[in-house]
Protein backbone atom coordinates (compact mmCIF):
# COMPACT_ATOMS: atom_id res chain seq x y z
CA UNK A 1 -3.56 35.42 11.09
CA UNK A 2 -3.60 32.88 13.88
CA UNK A 3 -4.40 33.60 17.52
CA UNK A 4 -1.00 32.15 18.37
CA UNK A 5 0.58 34.57 15.93
CA UNK A 6 -1.18 37.50 17.60
CA UNK A 7 -0.15 36.20 21.02
CA UNK A 8 3.46 36.17 19.88
CA UNK A 9 3.24 39.67 18.41
CA UNK A 10 3.39 38.55 14.81
CA UNK A 11 1.92 41.03 12.34
CA UNK A 12 -0.81 40.21 9.86
CA UNK A 13 1.89 39.98 7.16
CA UNK A 14 1.30 36.29 6.93
CA UNK A 15 1.27 32.85 8.27
CA UNK A 16 4.83 32.31 7.11
CA UNK A 17 5.98 34.48 10.00
CA UNK A 18 3.94 32.42 12.45
CA UNK A 19 5.46 29.23 11.04
CA UNK A 20 8.90 30.77 11.42
CA UNK A 21 8.05 31.59 15.03
CA UNK A 22 7.30 27.91 15.62
CA UNK A 23 10.56 26.89 13.97
CA UNK A 24 12.44 29.56 15.94
CA UNK A 25 11.62 27.67 19.11
CA UNK A 26 14.48 25.40 18.01
CA UNK A 27 16.77 27.77 19.92
CA UNK A 28 14.93 26.91 23.13
CA UNK A 29 14.99 23.21 22.27
CA UNK A 30 18.77 23.35 21.88
CA UNK A 31 18.92 24.66 25.47
CA UNK A 32 16.70 21.76 26.61
CA UNK A 33 13.71 24.05 27.14
CA UNK A 34 10.56 22.71 25.51
CA UNK A 35 7.98 24.93 27.24
CA UNK A 36 7.71 27.55 24.47
CA UNK A 37 7.45 24.89 21.76
CA UNK A 38 4.78 22.92 23.62
CA UNK A 39 2.77 26.06 24.39
CA UNK A 40 2.86 27.27 20.80
CA UNK A 41 2.06 23.83 19.39
CA UNK A 42 -1.00 23.62 21.65
CA UNK A 43 -2.15 27.03 20.43
CA UNK A 44 -1.75 26.00 16.80
CA UNK A 45 -3.80 22.79 17.05
CA UNK A 46 -6.85 24.36 15.40
CA UNK A 47 -5.00 26.65 13.00
CA UNK A 48 -6.37 26.17 9.46
CA UNK A 49 -2.99 26.59 7.73
CA UNK A 50 -1.11 23.39 6.79
CA UNK A 51 2.19 25.26 7.09
CA UNK A 52 1.50 25.72 10.81
CA UNK A 53 0.81 22.02 11.23
CA UNK A 54 4.04 21.05 9.51
CA UNK A 55 6.19 23.53 11.47
CA UNK A 56 4.65 22.54 14.79
CA UNK A 57 5.07 18.85 14.03
CA UNK A 58 8.74 19.34 13.21
CA UNK A 59 9.37 21.13 16.48
CA UNK A 60 7.43 18.58 18.50
CA UNK A 61 9.53 15.86 16.91
CA UNK A 62 12.66 17.76 17.98
CA UNK A 63 11.35 18.04 21.55
CA UNK A 64 11.11 14.26 21.65
CA UNK A 65 14.49 13.72 20.02
CA UNK A 66 16.57 16.41 21.75
CA UNK A 67 14.91 17.38 25.02
CA UNK A 68 12.77 14.65 26.54
CA UNK A 69 10.82 11.91 24.81
CA UNK A 70 8.43 11.79 27.77
CA UNK A 71 7.47 15.46 27.19
CA UNK A 72 6.50 14.60 23.61
CA UNK A 73 4.59 11.50 24.79
CA UNK A 74 2.75 13.62 27.38
CA UNK A 75 1.80 16.18 24.73
CA UNK A 76 0.60 13.43 22.40
CA UNK A 77 -1.40 11.80 25.20
CA UNK A 78 -3.26 15.08 25.70
CA UNK A 79 -3.58 16.29 22.13
CA UNK A 80 -3.15 13.49 19.56
CA UNK A 81 -6.89 13.33 18.88
CA UNK A 82 -6.98 17.07 18.14
CA UNK A 83 -3.81 17.24 16.07
CA UNK A 84 -4.03 17.79 12.34
CA UNK A 85 -2.76 14.75 10.44
CA UNK A 86 0.45 16.34 9.17
CA UNK A 87 1.35 17.70 12.64
CA UNK A 88 0.82 14.26 14.19
CA UNK A 89 2.77 12.55 11.42
CA UNK A 90 5.80 14.82 11.80
CA UNK A 91 5.69 14.72 15.59
CA UNK A 92 5.72 10.93 15.72
CA UNK A 93 8.45 10.28 13.12
CA UNK A 94 11.07 9.25 15.70
CA UNK A 95 8.73 7.00 17.68
CA UNK A 96 8.44 3.27 17.26
CA UNK A 97 6.00 1.90 14.71
CA UNK A 98 3.78 0.69 17.55
CA UNK A 99 3.60 4.13 19.19
CA UNK A 100 2.97 5.85 15.85
CA UNK A 101 0.12 3.44 15.15
CA UNK A 102 -1.26 4.00 18.66
CA UNK A 103 -1.40 7.79 18.29
CA UNK A 104 -2.65 7.72 14.72
CA UNK A 105 -5.42 5.35 15.77
CA UNK A 106 -6.75 7.65 18.49
CA UNK A 107 -10.34 8.83 18.14
CA UNK A 108 -10.25 12.12 16.30
CA UNK A 109 -11.57 15.38 17.63
CA UNK A 110 -10.50 17.17 14.49
CA UNK A 111 -13.28 19.10 12.80
CA UNK A 112 -14.48 17.41 9.65
CA UNK A 113 -14.46 19.47 6.45
CA UNK A 114 -17.87 20.64 5.32
CA UNK A 115 -19.04 18.80 2.25
CA UNK A 116 -21.99 19.98 0.23
CA UNK A 117 -24.84 17.58 -0.58
């Protein structure tokens, strides 16, 4: 279970519920409120589950498309180097090819997987 999931009161029943919580922020996005989505996405940056990365990336993309592109750009400016690859890829889908390349080319702060000898 993720820390973000615990913070949102999600039970240990699974990461699917935490991913659904991320996707549920769509209701806030439809009301032009991106704060919950941005907060949750920041909390899920280091989550080990790929499902979290995908869900967060989708919602970040929607923030940029439906609420304010500058909010997405600000989030990416702060966190692109920490974002898991799939989250970054989904979040930048609606951006120009130049901006996608810029954010994907940022120095990574992502932990490297441990590889034995």
